[in-house]
Structures are given as C-alpha cells and as structure tokens.
C-alpha cells in the first residue's frame, strides 16, 4: 500500500513539528497488520 501526503508548510519549524506529529509517526512506523510509508513531503517555501 502506498500513501502520498502533500503538505504545505510556512517554515522549517512547522515542517519539523509536522514530521514529529502522531499522525506522521503512525503512517511511517510499521504496523503489526500493515505497513504504510510516507512517500513524498512537499516543502514549499
């Protein structure tokens, strides 16, 4: 399964906060039943 997530962020600290968020952690960490991975993060300045 492939999941593509597009994020529009205002600055680098917002990018870091988003990458550390529980949602992104759940998508990128292997699950016992299925693995999902973060495919692309678009960082538009």
PDB file of N, CA and C in Angstrom:
ATOM      1  N   UNK A   1       0.850  -1.192   0.000  1.00  0.00           N
ATOM      2  CA  UNK A   1       0.000   0.000   0.000  1.00  0.00           C
ATOM      3  C   UNK A   1       0.886   1.244   0.000  1.00  0.00           C
ATOM      4  N   UNK A   2       0.521   2.185  -0.847  1.00  0.00           N
ATOM      5  CA  UNK A   2       1.310   3.407  -0.949  1.00  0.00           C
ATOM      6  C   UNK A   2       0.421   4.596  -0.650  1.00  0.00           C
ATOM      7  N   UNK A   3       0.902   5.462   0.215  1.00  0.00           N
ATOM      8  CA  UNK A   3       0.141   6.654   0.588  1.00  0.00           C
ATOM      9  C   UNK A   3       0.975   7.879   0.283  1.00  0.00           C
ATOM     10  N   UNK A   4       0.397   8.796  -0.477  1.00  0.00           N
ATOM     11  CA  UNK A   4       1.104  10.038  -0.774  1.00  0.00           C
ATOM     12  C   UNK A   4       0.454  11.166  -0.002  1.00  0.00           C
ATOM     13  N   UNK A   5       1.290  11.925   0.702  1.00  0.00           N
ATOM     14  CA  UNK A   5       0.798  13.032   1.511  1.00  0.00           C
ATOM     15  C   UNK A   5       1.478  14.305   1.042  1.00  0.00           C
ATOM     16  N   UNK A   6       0.677  15.307   0.727  1.00  0.00           N
ATOM     17  CA  UNK A   6       1.240  16.594   0.330  1.00  0.00           C
ATOM     18  C   UNK A   6       0.974  17.604   1.435  1.00  0.00           C
ATOM     19  N   UNK A   7       2.030  18.236   1.889  1.00  0.00           N
ATOM     20  CA  UNK A   7       1.918  19.214   2.967  1.00  0.00           C
ATOM     21  C   UNK A   7       2.420  20.565   2.488  1.00  0.00           C
ATOM     22  N   UNK A   8       1.668  21.603   2.796  1.00  0.00           N
ATOM     23  CA  UNK A   8       2.139  22.955   2.501  1.00  0.00           C
ATOM     24  C   UNK A   8       2.418  23.644   3.834  1.00  0.00           C
ATOM     25  N   UNK A   9       3.685  23.950   4.043  1.00  0.00           N
ATOM     26  CA  UNK A   9       4.112  24.472   5.332  1.00  0.00           C
ATOM     27  C   UNK A   9       4.764  25.838   5.166  1.00  0.00           C
ATOM     28  N   UNK A  10       4.602  26.658   6.179  1.00  0.00           N
ATOM     29  CA  UNK A  10       5.105  28.028   6.096  1.00  0.00           C
ATOM     30  C   UNK A  10       6.600  28.142   6.365  1.00  0.00           C
ATOM     31  N   UNK A  11       7.124  27.282   7.225  1.00  0.00           N
ATOM     32  CA  UNK A  11       8.537  27.425   7.573  1.00  0.00           C
ATOM     33  C   UNK A  11       9.114  26.095   8.053  1.00  0.00           C
ATOM     34  N   UNK A  12      10.400  26.105   8.318  1.00  0.00           N
ATOM     35  CA  UNK A  12      11.087  24.869   8.682  1.00  0.00           C
ATOM     36  C   UNK A  12      10.606  24.307  10.011  1.00  0.00           C
ATOM     37  N   UNK A  13      10.313  25.176  10.973  1.00  0.00           N
ATOM     38  CA  UNK A  13       9.862  24.675  12.276  1.00  0.00           C
ATOM     39  C   UNK A  13       8.495  24.001  12.152  1.00  0.00           C
ATOM     40  N   UNK A  14       7.667  24.504  11.240  1.00  0.00           N
ATOM     41  CA  UNK A  14       6.372  23.865  11.003  1.00  0.00           C
ATOM     42  C   UNK A  14       6.569  22.498  10.356  1.00  0.00           C
ATOM     43  N   UNK A  15       7.553  22.399   9.476  1.00  0.00           N
ATOM     44  CA  UNK A  15       7.878  21.113   8.862  1.00  0.00           C
ATOM     45  C   UNK A  15       8.308  20.112   9.928  1.00  0.00           C
ATOM     46  N   UNK A  16       9.212  20.521  10.808  1.00  0.00           N
ATOM     47  CA  UNK A  16       9.702  19.625  11.853  1.00  0.00           C
ATOM     48  C   UNK A  16       8.579  19.201  12.791  1.00  0.00           C
ATOM     49  N   UNK A  17       7.716  20.136  13.155  1.00  0.00           N
ATOM     50  CA  UNK A  17       6.595  19.815  14.042  1.00  0.00           C
ATOM     51  C   UNK A  17       5.654  18.819  13.376  1.00  0.00           C
ATOM     52  N   UNK A  18       5.451  18.977  12.075  1.00  0.00           N
ATOM     53  CA  UNK A  18       4.562  18.072  11.346  1.00  0.00           C
ATOM     54  C   UNK A  18       5.159  16.676  11.259  1.00  0.00           C
ATOM     55  N   UNK A  19       6.456  16.606  10.986  1.00  0.00           N
ATOM     56  CA  UNK A  19       7.107  15.299  10.869  1.00  0.00           C
ATOM     57  C   UNK A  19       7.126  14.554  12.197  1.00  0.00           C
ATOM     58  N   UNK A  20       7.089  15.288  13.296  1.00  0.00           N
ATOM     59  CA  UNK A  20       7.110  14.657  14.617  1.00  0.00           C
ATOM     60  C   UNK A  20       5.710  14.400  15.160  1.00  0.00           C
ATOM     61  N   UNK A  21       4.695  14.780  14.392  1.00  0.00           N
ATOM     62  CA  UNK A  21       3.323  14.634  14.874  1.00  0.00           C
ATOM     63  C   UNK A  21       2.910  13.161  14.920  1.00  0.00           C
ATOM     64  N   UNK A  22       1.957  12.818  15.778  1.00  0.00           N
ATOM     65  CA  UNK A  22       1.491  11.431  15.907  1.00  0.00           C
ATOM     66  C   UNK A  22       0.970  10.858  14.591  1.00  0.00           C
ATOM     67  N   UNK A  23       0.304  11.674  13.776  1.00  0.00           N
ATOM     68  CA  UNK A  23      -0.231  11.176  12.505  1.00  0.00           C
ATOM     69  C   UNK A  23       0.889  10.685  11.604  1.00  0.00           C
ATOM     70  N   UNK A  24       1.912  11.507  11.444  1.00  0.00           N
ATOM     71  CA  UNK A  24       3.018  11.129  10.572  1.00  0.00           C
ATOM     72  C   UNK A  24       3.767   9.934  11.154  1.00  0.00           C
ATOM     73  N   UNK A  25       3.937   9.902  12.470  1.00  0.00           N
ATOM     74  CA  UNK A  25       4.594   8.755  13.098  1.00  0.00           C
ATOM     75  C   UNK A  25       3.820   7.466  12.836  1.00  0.00           C
ATOM     76  N   UNK A  26       2.506   7.527  12.906  1.00  0.00           N
ATOM     77  CA  UNK A  26       1.697   6.327  12.662  1.00  0.00           C
ATOM     78  C   UNK A  26       1.793   5.886  11.208  1.00  0.00           C
ATOM     79  N   UNK A  27       1.915   6.851  10.298  1.00  0.00           N
ATOM     80  CA  UNK A  27       1.996   6.493   8.885  1.00  0.00           C
ATOM     81  C   UNK A  27       3.361   5.925   8.511  1.00  0.00           C
ATOM     82  N   UNK A  28       4.409   6.370   9.198  1.00  0.00           N
ATOM     83  CA  UNK A  28       5.750   5.951   8.807  1.00  0.00           C
ATOM     84  C   UNK A  28       6.275   4.779   9.628  1.00  0.00           C
ATOM     85  N   UNK A  29       5.668   4.508  10.785  1.00  0.00           N
ATOM     86  CA  UNK A  29       6.128   3.396  11.603  1.00  0.00           C
ATOM     87  C   UNK A  29       5.382   2.120  11.206  1.00  0.00           C
ATOM     88  N   UNK A  30       6.102   1.017  11.079  1.00  0.00           N
ATOM     89  CA  UNK A  30       5.456  -0.243  10.704  1.00  0.00           C
ATOM     90  C   UNK A  30       4.374  -0.641  11.704  1.00  0.00           C
ATOM     91  N   UNK A  31       3.292  -1.143  11.168  1.00  0.00           N
ATOM     92  CA  UNK A  31       2.177  -1.599  11.991  1.00  0.00           C
ATOM     93  C   UNK A  31       2.196  -3.126  11.968  1.00  0.00           C
ATOM     94  N   UNK A  32       1.680  -3.755  13.007  1.00  0.00           N
ATOM     95  CA  UNK A  32       1.690  -5.215  13.057  1.00  0.00           C
ATOM     96  C   UNK A  32       0.847  -5.811  11.925  1.00  0.00           C
ATOM     97  N   UNK A  33      -0.211  -5.115  11.527  1.00  0.00           N
ATOM     98  CA  UNK A  33      -1.094  -5.644  10.487  1.00  0.00           C
ATOM     99  C   UNK A  33      -0.718  -5.162   9.091  1.00  0.00           C
ATOM    100  N   UNK A  34      -0.175  -3.968   9.003  1.00  0.00           N
ATOM    101  CA  UNK A  34       0.160  -3.437   7.682  1.00  0.00           C
ATOM    102  C   UNK A  34       1.243  -2.376   7.809  1.00  0.00           C
ATOM    103  N   UNK A  35       1.953  -2.170   6.734  1.00  0.00           N
ATOM    104  CA  UNK A  35       2.987  -1.144   6.718  1.00  0.00           C
ATOM    105  C   UNK A  35       2.566  -0.025   5.786  1.00  0.00           C
ATOM    106  N   UNK A  36       2.652   1.178   6.293  1.00  0.00           N
ATOM    107  CA  UNK A  36       2.377   2.338   5.463  1.00  0.00           C
ATOM    108  C   UNK A  36       3.622   3.202   5.503  1.00  0.00           C
ATOM    109  N   UNK A  37       3.928   3.829   4.416  1.00  0.00           N
ATOM    110  CA  UNK A  37       5.108   4.679   4.423  1.00  0.00           C
ATOM    111  C   UNK A  37       4.778   6.041   3.839  1.00  0.00           C
ATOM    112  N   UNK A  38       5.495   7.007   4.348  1.00  0.00           N
ATOM    113  CA  UNK A  38       5.356   8.366   3.850  1.00  0.00           C
ATOM    114  C   UNK A  38       6.163   8.466   2.558  1.00  0.00           C
ATOM    115  N   UNK A  39       5.473   8.739   1.468  1.00  0.00           N
ATOM    116  CA  UNK A  39       6.132   8.701   0.173  1.00  0.00           C
ATOM    117  C   UNK A  39       6.779  10.037  -0.169  1.00  0.00           C
ATOM    118  N   UNK A  40       6.009  11.096  -0.129  1.00  0.00           N
ATOM    119  CA  UNK A  40       6.534  12.404  -0.527  1.00  0.00           C
ATOM    120  C   UNK A  40       6.060  13.487   0.418  1.00  0.00           C
ATOM    121  N   UNK A  41       6.982  14.331   0.830  1.00  0.00           N
ATOM    122  CA  UNK A  41       6.617  15.533   1.577  1.00  0.00           C
ATOM    123  C   UNK A  41       7.090  16.719   0.752  1.00  0.00           C
ATOM    124  N   UNK A  42       6.147  17.540   0.350  1.00  0.00           N
ATOM    125  CA  UNK A  42       6.494  18.729  -0.418  1.00  0.00           C
ATOM    126  C   UNK A  42       6.633  19.906   0.535  1.00  0.00           C
ATOM    127  N   UNK A  43       7.801  20.497   0.552  1.00  0.00           N
ATOM    128  CA  UNK A  43       8.073  21.607   1.450  1.00  0.00           C
ATOM    129  C   UNK A  43       8.190  22.869   0.609  1.00  0.00           C
ATOM    130  N   UNK A  44       7.094  23.607   0.491  1.00  0.00           N
ATOM    131  CA  UNK A  44       7.067  24.825  -0.316  1.00  0.00           C
ATOM    132  C   UNK A  44       7.365  26.035   0.552  1.00  0.00           C
ATOM    133  N   UNK A  45       8.432  26.752   0.213  1.00  0.00           N
ATOM    134  CA  UNK A  45       8.781  27.944   0.988  1.00  0.00           C
ATOM    135  C   UNK A  45       8.056  29.154   0.437  1.00  0.00           C
TER     136      UNK A  45
END
